Amino acid sequence: MHKAQRLVQLIMLVNERKKFTIQEMADECGVSRRTMIRDLMELNELGVPLYSQAGPGGGYRVLREKVLPPISFTEHEAIAMFFACQSLHNYKSLPFKNEVDAALHKFFHFLSSELKQKIEHMQQRLVFWIPPHEMEVLFLKELLEAALEQRVVTIIYEASSRRERMIQPLGLYTMNGLWYCQAYCFTAGDYRVFRVDRVKDFSHEADQSMKLNTTEEHIQTWIMRMDESDALELEVDLTPEGVRRCRSDLWLTQGIELREDGSGTIRTKMSASYIPWTVHFFLGFGLEANVKRPQVVREQIQSKLRELTRQYEH
C-alpha cells in the first residue's frame, strides 16, 4: 500500500478507537512496529492530537476532537459545501459558530485561485437571507448537549413572567431567524416549545430519575409538532395585496385558499403561544387583512386600535 493511502487509513483507524497500542495498529495495517512508530509521528506532525502513555496498560489515544482524513471534492461539490456553511452566516447565534467560521476559512484557503474568484462572484449574486435578531441566545449549545445526552435540566424561562421549569430537551429547530427548543416540561406535565432567547438561566442540577426513555422515533414525532391541547383555528380574509404580503411567511402560505380575483382566506391551526405574534403581524396589514378567528386575536387587535386612536387624538 502507498504511504499516503496508509496514512489516510491510519487516520480513520485511530478515529474509531478510544485507545490502541503500536503493535495493534501495526498488525492491522500489515506493517512493522518500526514503520508504525514513524507513521504515528507523521500523523502527529500533520495535526492529529495523539497522546501516548507508557507502561503496562498504556498505549495511544486521540486527544480532543478527531481529525478527518483528506477528502477530495469536485468543483461543484466544493461550491456547494462553501455555500452550505455560508448559509449560516446571518445567524447571530449557532451552537457551533466558531467551528463554522473556522471550517469556512479553512475550506476557502485551500481552493484554487480560479475557484476562489468564482465563489467571490457568486457571493455578490447569491445570498441566504435570515432575518437578523438582536436577542441574546445564551444557552443554545447547552440545550443541544442536553438533548443529545437526554438529560433533565432546570431553566429560568421568561414569557409573560419568569418561572423556573424542569425540562428534558428533545431537539432544537430554527425558523425565521429564531431558535426553538422542543422539550418535555415536568413542571407543566406535557410537551412544550420554548423560545431559546427567553431562557434566562440554565442548570444541569435536576432530578435525573425523572428522565423519559425516549427513542429516536419518539423524538422525531415531537419535533416541531404543535401542541394540540391549545391549538386555535385561525381564519383571515385577505385582499390580493394581503395575499402577496402573507406569502413572505412559509407557515401562513401553506394555509392560504386563493380566489380568482387574487384575494384569499387563511385557514389553519395555530398554537395559543402565537397569539401576540399574530396580533402584531396582522395589525400591520391595515385594511389588507380581516381576522375572523380566533376571537381572542380579534379582541386584542381591537384593543390595540383603540390605544392607537387615543394616542393620536392629542
C-alpha atoms as a PDB file:
ATOM      1  CA  MET A   1       0.000   0.000   0.000  1.00  0.00           C
ATOM      2  CA  HIS A   2       1.249   3.502  -0.883  1.00  0.00           C
ATOM      3  CA  LYS A   3       2.353   5.556   2.124  1.00  0.00           C
ATOM      4  CA  ALA A   4      -0.234   8.320   1.563  1.00  0.00           C
ATOM      5  CA  GLN A   5      -3.024   5.717   1.399  1.00  0.00           C
ATOM      6  CA  ARG A   6      -1.669   4.084   4.560  1.00  0.00           C
ATOM      7  CA  LEU A   7      -1.721   7.385   6.454  1.00  0.00           C
ATOM      8  CA  VAL A   8      -5.312   8.076   5.376  1.00  0.00           C
ATOM      9  CA  GLN A   9      -6.314   4.577   6.537  1.00  0.00           C
ATOM     10  CA  LEU A  10      -4.447   5.161   9.798  1.00  0.00           C
ATOM     11  CA  ILE A  11      -6.336   8.418  10.484  1.00  0.00           C
ATOM     12  CA  MET A  12      -9.620   6.556  10.037  1.00  0.00           C
ATOM     13  CA  LEU A  13      -8.494   3.732  12.328  1.00  0.00           C
ATOM     14  CA  VAL A  14      -7.306   5.955  15.195  1.00  0.00           C
ATOM     15  CA  ASN A  15     -10.532   7.963  14.988  1.00  0.00           C
ATOM     16  CA  GLU A  16     -12.537   4.777  15.525  1.00  0.00           C
ATOM     17  CA  ARG A  17     -10.690   3.750  18.697  1.00  0.00           C
ATOM     18  CA  LYS A  18     -10.592   5.299  22.140  1.00  0.00           C
ATOM     19  CA  LYS A  19      -7.246   3.631  22.800  1.00  0.00           C
ATOM     20  CA  PHE A  20      -4.758   1.454  20.887  1.00  0.00           C
ATOM     21  CA  THR A  21      -1.194   0.128  21.016  1.00  0.00           C
ATOM     22  CA  ILE A  22       1.526   0.389  18.375  1.00  0.00           C
ATOM     23  CA  GLN A  23       1.514  -3.367  17.853  1.00  0.00           C
ATOM     24  CA  GLU A  24      -2.281  -3.469  17.359  1.00  0.00           C
ATOM     25  CA  MET A  25      -2.080  -0.831  14.644  1.00  0.00           C
ATOM     26  CA  ALA A  26       0.984  -2.429  13.030  1.00  0.00           C
ATOM     27  CA  ASP A  27      -0.819  -5.786  12.797  1.00  0.00           C
ATOM     28  CA  GLU A  28      -3.986  -4.216  11.382  1.00  0.00           C
ATOM     29  CA  CYS A  29      -2.104  -2.208   8.743  1.00  0.00           C
ATOM     30  CA  GLY A  30       0.283  -5.062   7.908  1.00  0.00           C
ATOM     31  CA  VAL A  31       3.489  -3.124   8.651  1.00  0.00           C
ATOM     32  CA  SER A  32       6.342  -3.459  11.101  1.00  0.00           C
ATOM     33  CA  ARG A  33       6.305  -1.893  14.557  1.00  0.00           C
ATOM     34  CA  ARG A  34       9.079   0.453  13.481  1.00  0.00           C
ATOM     35  CA  THR A  35       7.090   1.662  10.425  1.00  0.00           C
ATOM     36  CA  MET A  36       4.022   2.202  12.592  1.00  0.00           C
ATOM     37  CA  ILE A  37       6.018   4.374  15.024  1.00  0.00           C
ATOM     38  CA  ARG A  38       7.151   6.551  12.076  1.00  0.00           C
ATOM     39  CA  ASP A  39       3.581   6.774  10.731  1.00  0.00           C
ATOM     40  CA  LEU A  40       2.185   7.829  14.105  1.00  0.00           C
ATOM     41  CA  MET A  41       4.881  10.502  14.384  1.00  0.00           C
ATOM     42  CA  GLU A  42       3.888  11.820  10.932  1.00  0.00           C
ATOM     43  CA  LEU A  43       0.216  11.914  11.965  1.00  0.00           C
ATOM     44  CA  ASN A  44       1.203  13.974  14.982  1.00  0.00           C
ATOM     45  CA  GLU A  45       3.101  16.412  12.731  1.00  0.00           C
ATOM     46  CA  LEU A  46       0.022  16.659  10.477  1.00  0.00           C
ATOM     47  CA  GLY A  47      -2.045  17.851  13.439  1.00  0.00           C
ATOM     48  CA  VAL A  48      -3.671  14.636  14.706  1.00  0.00           C
ATOM     49  CA  PRO A  49      -3.574  15.196  18.512  1.00  0.00           C
ATOM     50  CA  LEU A  50      -2.153  11.872  19.776  1.00  0.00           C
ATOM     51  CA  TYR A  51      -1.361  11.196  23.434  1.00  0.00           C
ATOM     52  CA  SER A  52       0.878   8.307  24.493  1.00  0.00           C
ATOM     53  CA  GLN A  53       1.010   6.611  27.860  1.00  0.00           C
ATOM     54  CA  ALA A  54       3.915   4.294  28.734  1.00  0.00           C
ATOM     55  CA  GLY A  55       3.897   1.179  30.892  1.00  0.00           C
ATOM     56  CA  PRO A  56       1.517  -1.772  31.344  1.00  0.00           C
ATOM     57  CA  GLY A  57      -1.970  -0.906  30.148  1.00  0.00           C
ATOM     58  CA  GLY A  58      -0.588   2.059  28.239  1.00  0.00           C
ATOM     59  CA  GLY A  59      -0.969   2.959  24.586  1.00  0.00           C
ATOM     60  CA  TYR A  60      -2.136   5.785  22.357  1.00  0.00           C
ATOM     61  CA  ARG A  61      -5.361   7.743  22.210  1.00  0.00           C
ATOM     62  CA  VAL A  62      -6.635  10.785  20.291  1.00  0.00           C
ATOM     63  CA  LEU A  63      -6.987  13.958  22.340  1.00  0.00           C
ATOM     64  CA  ARG A  64      -9.815  16.455  21.931  1.00  0.00           C
ATOM     65  CA  GLU A  65     -11.600  16.323  18.582  1.00  0.00           C
ATOM     66  CA  LYS A  66     -10.871  13.717  15.974  1.00  0.00           C
ATOM     67  CA  VAL A  67      -9.294  14.746  12.665  1.00  0.00           C
ATOM     68  CA  LEU A  68     -10.812  13.609   9.383  1.00  0.00           C
ATOM     69  CA  PRO A  69      -8.663  12.185   6.590  1.00  0.00           C
ATOM     70  CA  PRO A  70      -8.144  14.204   3.379  1.00  0.00           C
ATOM     71  CA  ILE A  71     -11.298  14.335   1.236  1.00  0.00           C
ATOM     72  CA  SER A  72     -11.403  15.150  -2.480  1.00  0.00           C
ATOM     73  CA  PHE A  73     -14.158  17.412  -3.857  1.00  0.00           C
ATOM     74  CA  THR A  74     -15.258  18.208  -7.392  1.00  0.00           C
ATOM     75  CA  GLU A  75     -15.598  21.908  -8.252  1.00  0.00           C
ATOM     76  CA  HIS A  76     -19.390  21.864  -7.838  1.00  0.00           C
ATOM     77  CA  GLU A  77     -19.145  19.908  -4.567  1.00  0.00           C
ATOM     78  CA  ALA A  78     -16.656  22.485  -3.238  1.00  0.00           C
ATOM     79  CA  ILE A  79     -19.008  25.364  -4.123  1.00  0.00           C
ATOM     80  CA  ALA A  80     -21.962  23.542  -2.565  1.00  0.00           C
ATOM     81  CA  MET A  81     -20.046  22.890   0.690  1.00  0.00           C
ATOM     82  CA  PHE A  82     -18.861  26.503   0.878  1.00  0.00           C
ATOM     83  CA  PHE A  83     -22.355  27.930   0.466  1.00  0.00           C
ATOM     84  CA  ALA A  84     -23.825  25.380   2.873  1.00  0.00           C
ATOM     85  CA  CYS A  85     -21.617  26.965   5.556  1.00  0.00           C
ATOM     86  CA  GLN A  86     -22.199  30.457   4.161  1.00  0.00           C
ATOM     87  CA  SER A  87     -25.980  29.999   4.557  1.00  0.00           C
ATOM     88  CA  LEU A  88     -25.489  30.108   8.345  1.00  0.00           C
ATOM     89  CA  HIS A  89     -23.587  33.401   8.225  1.00  0.00           C
ATOM     90  CA  ASN A  90     -26.516  35.677   9.163  1.00  0.00           C
ATOM     91  CA  TYR A  91     -27.405  33.760  12.314  1.00  0.00           C
ATOM     92  CA  LYS A  92     -26.231  35.747  15.317  1.00  0.00           C
ATOM     93  CA  SER A  93     -26.138  32.552  17.418  1.00  0.00           C
ATOM     94  CA  LEU A  94     -25.234  28.985  16.473  1.00  0.00           C
ATOM     95  CA  PRO A  95     -24.447  26.046  18.763  1.00  0.00           C
ATOM     96  CA  PHE A  96     -21.130  25.686  16.884  1.00  0.00           C
ATOM     97  CA  LYS A  97     -20.460  29.174  15.456  1.00  0.00           C
ATOM     98  CA  ASN A  98     -16.678  29.160  15.995  1.00  0.00           C
ATOM     99  CA  GLU A  99     -16.373  25.799  14.242  1.00  0.00           C
ATOM    100  CA  VAL A 100     -18.437  27.010  11.256  1.00  0.00           C
ATOM    101  CA  ASP A 101     -16.247  30.116  10.856  1.00  0.00           C
ATOM    102  CA  ALA A 102     -13.060  28.049  11.169  1.00  0.00           C
ATOM    103  CA  ALA A 103     -14.275  25.445   8.658  1.00  0.00           C
ATOM    104  CA  LEU A 104     -15.305  28.130   6.171  1.00  0.00           C
ATOM    105  CA  HIS A 105     -11.919  29.881   6.447  1.00  0.00           C
ATOM    106  CA  LYS A 106     -10.023  26.584   6.149  1.00  0.00           C
ATOM    107  CA  PHE A 107     -12.105  25.409   3.198  1.00  0.00           C
ATOM    108  CA  PHE A 108     -11.691  28.675   1.274  1.00  0.00           C
ATOM    109  CA  HIS A 109      -7.930  28.816   1.950  1.00  0.00           C
ATOM    110  CA  PHE A 110      -7.204  25.572   0.077  1.00  0.00           C
ATOM    111  CA  LEU A 111      -9.283  26.311  -3.028  1.00  0.00           C
ATOM    112  CA  SER A 112      -7.622  27.232  -6.319  1.00  0.00           C
ATOM    113  CA  SER A 113      -7.397  30.922  -7.260  1.00  0.00           C
ATOM    114  CA  GLU A 114      -9.872  30.366 -10.103  1.00  0.00           C
ATOM    115  CA  LEU A 115     -12.424  28.714  -7.792  1.00  0.00           C
ATOM    116  CA  LYS A 116     -11.944  31.400  -5.133  1.00  0.00           C
ATOM    117  CA  GLN A 117     -12.707  34.070  -7.734  1.00  0.00           C
ATOM    118  CA  LYS A 118     -15.802  32.171  -8.891  1.00  0.00           C
ATOM    119  CA  ILE A 119     -17.107  31.905  -5.296  1.00  0.00           C
ATOM    120  CA  GLU A 120     -16.422  35.612  -4.666  1.00  0.00           C
ATOM    121  CA  HIS A 121     -18.505  36.483  -7.754  1.00  0.00           C
ATOM    122  CA  MET A 122     -21.296  34.156  -6.598  1.00  0.00           C
ATOM    123  CA  GLN A 123     -21.300  35.746  -3.131  1.00  0.00           C
ATOM    124  CA  GLN A 124     -22.312  39.018  -4.773  1.00  0.00           C
ATOM    125  CA  ARG A 125     -25.237  37.333  -6.542  1.00  0.00           C
ATOM    126  CA  LEU A 126     -26.406  34.616  -4.114  1.00  0.00           C
ATOM    127  CA  VAL A 127     -27.429  35.470  -0.539  1.00  0.00           C
ATOM    128  CA  PHE A 128     -29.056  33.246   2.088  1.00  0.00           C
ATOM    129  CA  TRP A 129     -31.047  35.850   3.965  1.00  0.00           C
ATOM    130  CA  ILE A 130     -32.001  35.182   7.598  1.00  0.00           C
ATOM    131  CA  PRO A 131     -33.859  37.980   9.444  1.00  0.00           C
ATOM    132  CA  PRO A 132     -31.367  39.404  11.955  1.00  0.00           C
ATOM    133  CA  HIS A 133     -32.375  39.338  15.627  1.00  0.00           C
ATOM    134  CA  GLU A 134     -30.530  41.164  18.379  1.00  0.00           C
ATOM    135  CA  MET A 135     -31.785  38.943  21.228  1.00  0.00           C
ATOM    136  CA  GLU A 136     -29.043  37.087  23.061  1.00  0.00           C
ATOM    137  CA  VAL A 137     -29.330  33.286  22.807  1.00  0.00           C
ATOM    138  CA  LEU A 138     -27.304  32.387  25.867  1.00  0.00           C
ATOM    139  CA  PHE A 139     -27.842  28.659  26.283  1.00  0.00           C
ATOM    140  CA  LEU A 140     -28.196  27.295  22.752  1.00  0.00           C
ATOM    141  CA  LYS A 141     -25.220  24.943  22.943  1.00  0.00           C
ATOM    142  CA  GLU A 142     -26.139  23.732  26.450  1.00  0.00           C
ATOM    143  CA  LEU A 143     -29.702  22.868  25.381  1.00  0.00           C
ATOM    144  CA  LEU A 144     -28.422  20.977  22.336  1.00  0.00           C
ATOM    145  CA  GLU A 145     -25.989  18.998  24.519  1.00  0.00           C
ATOM    146  CA  ALA A 146     -28.803  18.206  26.978  1.00  0.00           C
ATOM    147  CA  ALA A 147     -30.945  16.940  24.063  1.00  0.00           C
ATOM    148  CA  LEU A 148     -28.098  14.764  22.767  1.00  0.00           C
ATOM    149  CA  GLU A 149     -27.375  13.354  26.241  1.00  0.00           C
ATOM    150  CA  GLN A 150     -31.116  13.089  27.067  1.00  0.00           C
ATOM    151  CA  ARG A 151     -30.594  14.939  30.351  1.00  0.00           C
ATOM    152  CA  VAL A 152     -33.145  16.664  32.555  1.00  0.00           C
ATOM    153  CA  VAL A 153     -32.152  20.298  33.191  1.00  0.00           C
ATOM    154  CA  THR A 154     -33.507  23.301  35.058  1.00  0.00           C
ATOM    155  CA  ILE A 155     -34.127  26.595  33.271  1.00  0.00           C
ATOM    156  CA  ILE A 156     -35.482  30.031  34.125  1.00  0.00           C
ATOM    157  CA  TYR A 157     -37.934  30.879  31.341  1.00  0.00           C
ATOM    158  CA  GLU A 158     -39.303  34.349  30.689  1.00  0.00           C
ATOM    159  CA  ALA A 159     -42.607  34.655  28.821  1.00  0.00           C
ATOM    160  CA  SER A 160     -45.433  36.621  30.477  1.00  0.00           C
ATOM    161  CA  SER A 161     -43.485  36.089  33.726  1.00  0.00           C
ATOM    162  CA  ARG A 162     -40.242  34.462  34.891  1.00  0.00           C
ATOM    163  CA  ARG A 163     -40.634  30.865  36.038  1.00  0.00           C
ATOM    164  CA  GLU A 164     -38.328  28.017  36.917  1.00  0.00           C
ATOM    165  CA  ARG A 165     -39.007  24.947  34.815  1.00  0.00           C
ATOM    166  CA  MET A 166     -37.575  21.448  34.804  1.00  0.00           C
ATOM    167  CA  ILE A 167     -37.382  20.145  31.238  1.00  0.00           C
ATOM    168  CA  GLN A 168     -35.910  17.368  29.128  1.00  0.00           C
ATOM    169  CA  PRO A 169     -34.919  18.855  25.735  1.00  0.00           C
ATOM    170  CA  LEU A 170     -35.718  16.671  22.715  1.00  0.00           C
ATOM    171  CA  GLY A 171     -34.203  18.846  19.999  1.00  0.00           C
ATOM    172  CA  LEU A 172     -33.750  22.315  18.516  1.00  0.00           C
ATOM    173  CA  TYR A 173     -35.025  23.915  15.353  1.00  0.00           C
ATOM    174  CA  THR A 174     -34.777  27.376  13.834  1.00  0.00           C
ATOM    175  CA  MET A 175     -37.447  29.353  11.987  1.00  0.00           C
ATOM    176  CA  ASN A 176     -37.364  32.950  10.716  1.00  0.00           C
ATOM    177  CA  GLY A 177     -34.026  33.515  12.463  1.00  0.00           C
ATOM    178  CA  LEU A 178     -35.263  32.416  15.902  1.00  0.00           C
ATOM    179  CA  TRP A 179     -34.282  29.256  17.792  1.00  0.00           C
ATOM    180  CA  TYR A 180     -36.820  26.958  19.452  1.00  0.00           C
ATOM    181  CA  CYS A 181     -36.341  24.030  21.836  1.00  0.00           C
ATOM    182  CA  GLN A 182     -38.852  21.178  21.817  1.00  0.00           C
ATOM    183  CA  ALA A 183     -38.905  19.608  25.281  1.00  0.00           C
ATOM    184  CA  TYR A 184     -40.934  17.697  27.810  1.00  0.00           C
ATOM    185  CA  CYS A 185     -41.752  20.094  30.656  1.00  0.00           C
ATOM    186  CA  PHE A 186     -42.036  18.283  34.001  1.00  0.00           C
ATOM    187  CA  THR A 187     -43.402  21.489  35.566  1.00  0.00           C
ATOM    188  CA  ALA A 188     -46.363  21.512  33.143  1.00  0.00           C
ATOM    189  CA  GLY A 189     -46.514  17.732  32.786  1.00  0.00           C
ATOM    190  CA  ASP A 190     -46.622  17.975  28.978  1.00  0.00           C
ATOM    191  CA  TYR A 191     -44.581  18.682  25.843  1.00  0.00           C
ATOM    192  CA  ARG A 192     -43.787  22.338  25.192  1.00  0.00           C
ATOM    193  CA  VAL A 193     -41.870  24.526  22.732  1.00  0.00           C
ATOM    194  CA  PHE A 194     -39.533  27.105  24.300  1.00  0.00           C
ATOM    195  CA  ARG A 195     -38.028  30.151  22.565  1.00  0.00           C
ATOM    196  CA  VAL A 196     -34.325  29.781  23.341  1.00  0.00           C
ATOM    197  CA  ASP A 197     -33.736  33.549  23.627  1.00  0.00           C
ATOM    198  CA  ARG A 198     -36.251  33.548  26.515  1.00  0.00           C
ATOM    199  CA  VAL A 199     -34.182  31.061  28.529  1.00  0.00           C
ATOM    200  CA  LYS A 200     -32.511  33.367  31.055  1.00  0.00           C
ATOM    201  CA  ASP A 201     -30.684  30.806  33.192  1.00  0.00           C
ATOM    202  CA  PHE A 202     -29.651  27.169  32.837  1.00  0.00           C
ATOM    203  CA  SER A 203     -28.522  24.487  35.273  1.00  0.00           C
ATOM    204  CA  HIS A 204     -27.636  20.800  34.968  1.00  0.00           C
ATOM    205  CA  GLU A 205     -28.870  20.334  38.547  1.00  0.00           C
ATOM    206  CA  ALA A 206     -32.087  18.335  38.135  1.00  0.00           C
ATOM    207  CA  ASP A 207     -33.541  15.012  39.211  1.00  0.00           C
ATOM    208  CA  GLN A 208     -32.275  12.567  36.549  1.00  0.00           C
ATOM    209  CA  SER A 209     -34.547   9.808  37.876  1.00  0.00           C
ATOM    210  CA  MET A 210     -37.440  11.650  36.176  1.00  0.00           C
ATOM    211  CA  LYS A 211     -35.828  11.223  32.754  1.00  0.00           C
ATOM    212  CA  LEU A 212     -38.053   9.933  29.943  1.00  0.00           C
ATOM    213  CA  ASN A 213     -36.881   6.916  27.987  1.00  0.00           C
ATOM    214  CA  THR A 214     -37.175   8.441  24.517  1.00  0.00           C
ATOM    215  CA  THR A 215     -36.394   6.603  21.281  1.00  0.00           C
ATOM    216  CA  GLU A 216     -35.293   8.372  18.087  1.00  0.00           C
ATOM    217  CA  GLU A 217     -38.709   7.645  16.567  1.00  0.00           C
ATOM    218  CA  HIS A 218     -40.421   9.196  19.595  1.00  0.00           C
ATOM    219  CA  ILE A 219     -38.226  12.296  19.366  1.00  0.00           C
ATOM    220  CA  GLN A 220     -38.925  12.780  15.646  1.00  0.00           C
ATOM    221  CA  THR A 221     -42.660  12.537  16.371  1.00  0.00           C
ATOM    222  CA  TRP A 222     -42.479  15.524  18.715  1.00  0.00           C
ATOM    223  CA  ILE A 223     -40.001  17.796  16.956  1.00  0.00           C
ATOM    224  CA  MET A 224     -41.917  20.769  15.526  1.00  0.00           C
ATOM    225  CA  ARG A 225     -45.234  19.128  16.485  1.00  0.00           C
ATOM    226  CA  MET A 226     -47.935  21.581  17.558  1.00  0.00           C
ATOM    227  CA  ASP A 227     -49.408  21.025  20.994  1.00  0.00           C
ATOM    228  CA  GLU A 228     -52.989  20.112  20.049  1.00  0.00           C
ATOM    229  CA  SER A 229     -54.267  20.852  23.556  1.00  0.00           C
ATOM    230  CA  ASP A 230     -54.020  24.629  22.979  1.00  0.00           C
ATOM    231  CA  ALA A 231     -54.500  24.709  19.168  1.00  0.00           C
ATOM    232  CA  LEU A 232     -56.742  27.509  17.853  1.00  0.00           C
ATOM    233  CA  GLU A 233     -58.477  27.883  14.481  1.00  0.00           C
ATOM    234  CA  LEU A 234     -57.020  30.805  12.537  1.00  0.00           C
ATOM    235  CA  GLU A 235     -59.173  32.324   9.782  1.00  0.00           C
ATOM    236  CA  VAL A 236     -58.176  35.549   7.998  1.00  0.00           C
ATOM    237  CA  ASP A 237     -59.705  37.183   4.900  1.00  0.00           C
ATOM    238  CA  LEU A 238     -57.083  38.797   2.662  1.00  0.00           C
ATOM    239  CA  THR A 239     -57.135  41.269  -0.206  1.00  0.00           C
ATOM    240  CA  PRO A 240     -54.808  40.486  -3.171  1.00  0.00           C
ATOM    241  CA  GLU A 241     -52.181  42.716  -1.519  1.00  0.00           C
ATOM    242  CA  GLY A 242     -52.709  40.874   1.782  1.00  0.00           C
ATOM    243  CA  VAL A 243     -52.137  37.546  -0.006  1.00  0.00           C
ATOM    244  CA  ARG A 244     -48.923  38.878  -1.521  1.00  0.00           C
ATOM    245  CA  ARG A 245     -47.619  40.021   1.860  1.00  0.00           C
ATOM    246  CA  CYS A 246     -48.586  36.771   3.614  1.00  0.00           C
ATOM    247  CA  ARG A 247     -46.613  34.769   1.084  1.00  0.00           C
ATOM    248  CA  SER A 248     -43.432  36.048   2.739  1.00  0.00           C
ATOM    249  CA  ASP A 249     -44.242  33.710   5.658  1.00  0.00           C
ATOM    250  CA  LEU A 250     -43.911  29.984   4.915  1.00  0.00           C
ATOM    251  CA  TRP A 251     -46.312  28.882   7.659  1.00  0.00           C
ATOM    252  CA  LEU A 252     -49.132  31.200   6.512  1.00  0.00           C
ATOM    253  CA  THR A 253     -48.550  30.450   2.812  1.00  0.00           C
ATOM    254  CA  GLN A 254     -49.459  26.800   3.361  1.00  0.00           C
ATOM    255  CA  GLY A 255     -52.906  27.776   4.715  1.00  0.00           C
ATOM    256  CA  ILE A 256     -53.983  30.274   2.002  1.00  0.00           C
ATOM    257  CA  GLU A 257     -57.026  29.405  -0.123  1.00  0.00           C
ATOM    258  CA  LEU A 258     -56.920  31.605  -3.242  1.00  0.00           C
ATOM    259  CA  ARG A 259     -59.859  33.092  -5.157  1.00  0.00           C
ATOM    260  CA  GLU A 260     -59.963  34.000  -8.851  1.00  0.00           C
ATOM    261  CA  ASP A 261     -59.563  37.744  -8.199  1.00  0.00           C
ATOM    262  CA  GLY A 262     -56.282  37.157  -6.299  1.00  0.00           C
ATOM    263  CA  SER A 263     -57.772  37.587  -2.836  1.00  0.00           C
ATOM    264  CA  GLY A 264     -57.868  34.675  -0.401  1.00  0.00           C
ATOM    265  CA  THR A 265     -58.549  33.252   3.021  1.00  0.00           C
ATOM    266  CA  ILE A 266     -56.139  31.720   5.513  1.00  0.00           C
ATOM    267  CA  ARG A 267     -57.491  28.649   7.287  1.00  0.00           C
ATOM    268  CA  THR A 268     -55.035  26.855   9.545  1.00  0.00           C
ATOM    269  CA  LYS A 269     -54.313  25.917  13.160  1.00  0.00           C
ATOM    270  CA  MET A 270     -52.108  27.955  15.455  1.00  0.00           C
ATOM    271  CA  SER A 271     -50.721  27.498  18.948  1.00  0.00           C
ATOM    272  CA  ALA A 272     -52.040  29.798  21.669  1.00  0.00           C
ATOM    273  CA  SER A 273     -48.436  30.883  22.235  1.00  0.00           C
ATOM    274  CA  TYR A 274     -48.565  32.553  18.765  1.00  0.00           C
ATOM    275  CA  ILE A 275     -51.371  34.963  19.763  1.00  0.00           C
ATOM    276  CA  PRO A 276     -49.111  38.022  20.458  1.00  0.00           C
ATOM    277  CA  TRP A 277     -47.209  37.472  17.193  1.00  0.00           C
ATOM    278  CA  THR A 278     -50.464  37.063  15.200  1.00  0.00           C
ATOM    279  CA  VAL A 279     -51.945  40.270  16.666  1.00  0.00           C
ATOM    280  CA  HIS A 280     -48.910  42.393  15.749  1.00  0.00           C
ATOM    281  CA  PHE A 281     -48.453  40.723  12.359  1.00  0.00           C
ATOM    282  CA  PHE A 282     -51.981  41.331  11.053  1.00  0.00           C
ATOM    283  CA  LEU A 283     -52.335  44.709  12.774  1.00  0.00           C
ATOM    284  CA  GLY A 284     -49.618  45.913  10.391  1.00  0.00           C
ATOM    285  CA  PHE A 285     -51.689  44.830   7.373  1.00  0.00           C
ATOM    286  CA  GLY A 286     -54.304  47.552   7.949  1.00  0.00           C
ATOM    287  CA  LEU A 287     -57.285  47.030   5.628  1.00  0.00           C
ATOM    288  CA  GLU A 288     -55.487  44.279   3.690  1.00  0.00           C
ATOM    289  CA  ALA A 289     -56.464  41.635   6.295  1.00  0.00           C
ATOM    290  CA  ASN A 290     -59.541  40.876   8.405  1.00  0.00           C
ATOM    291  CA  VAL A 291     -59.008  38.333  11.179  1.00  0.00           C
ATOM    292  CA  LYS A 292     -62.226  36.331  11.660  1.00  0.00           C
ATOM    293  CA  ARG A 293     -60.955  33.775  14.179  1.00  0.00           C
ATOM    294  CA  PRO A 294     -59.862  33.190  16.880  1.00  0.00           C
ATOM    295  CA  GLN A 295     -61.939  35.697  18.817  1.00  0.00           C
ATOM    296  CA  VAL A 296     -59.098  36.406  21.235  1.00  0.00           C
ATOM    297  CA  VAL A 297     -56.967  37.738  18.352  1.00  0.00           C
ATOM    298  CA  ARG A 298     -59.830  39.940  17.080  1.00  0.00           C
ATOM    299  CA  GLU A 299     -60.341  41.368  20.564  1.00  0.00           C
ATOM    300  CA  GLN A 300     -56.657  42.127  21.063  1.00  0.00           C
ATOM    301  CA  ILE A 301     -56.435  43.835  17.641  1.00  0.00           C
ATOM    302  CA  GLN A 302     -59.498  45.945  18.544  1.00  0.00           C
ATOM    303  CA  SER A 303     -57.869  46.861  21.863  1.00  0.00           C
ATOM    304  CA  LYS A 304     -54.623  47.872  20.121  1.00  0.00           C
ATOM    305  CA  LEU A 305     -56.560  50.015  17.632  1.00  0.00           C
ATOM    306  CA  ARG A 306     -58.363  51.840  20.478  1.00  0.00           C
ATOM    307  CA  GLU A 307     -54.992  52.522  22.131  1.00  0.00           C
ATOM    308  CA  LEU A 308     -53.638  53.870  18.826  1.00  0.00           C
ATOM    309  CA  THR A 309     -56.682  56.112  18.413  1.00  0.00           C
ATOM    310  CA  ARG A 310     -56.212  57.571  21.897  1.00  0.00           C
ATOM    311  CA  GLN A 311     -52.506  58.058  21.260  1.00  0.00           C
ATOM    312  CA  TYR A 312     -53.113  60.121  18.117  1.00  0.00           C
ATOM    313  CA  GLU A 313     -56.105  62.117  19.385  1.00  0.00           C
ATOM    314  CA  HIS A 314     -53.846  64.671  21.099  1.00  0.00           C
END
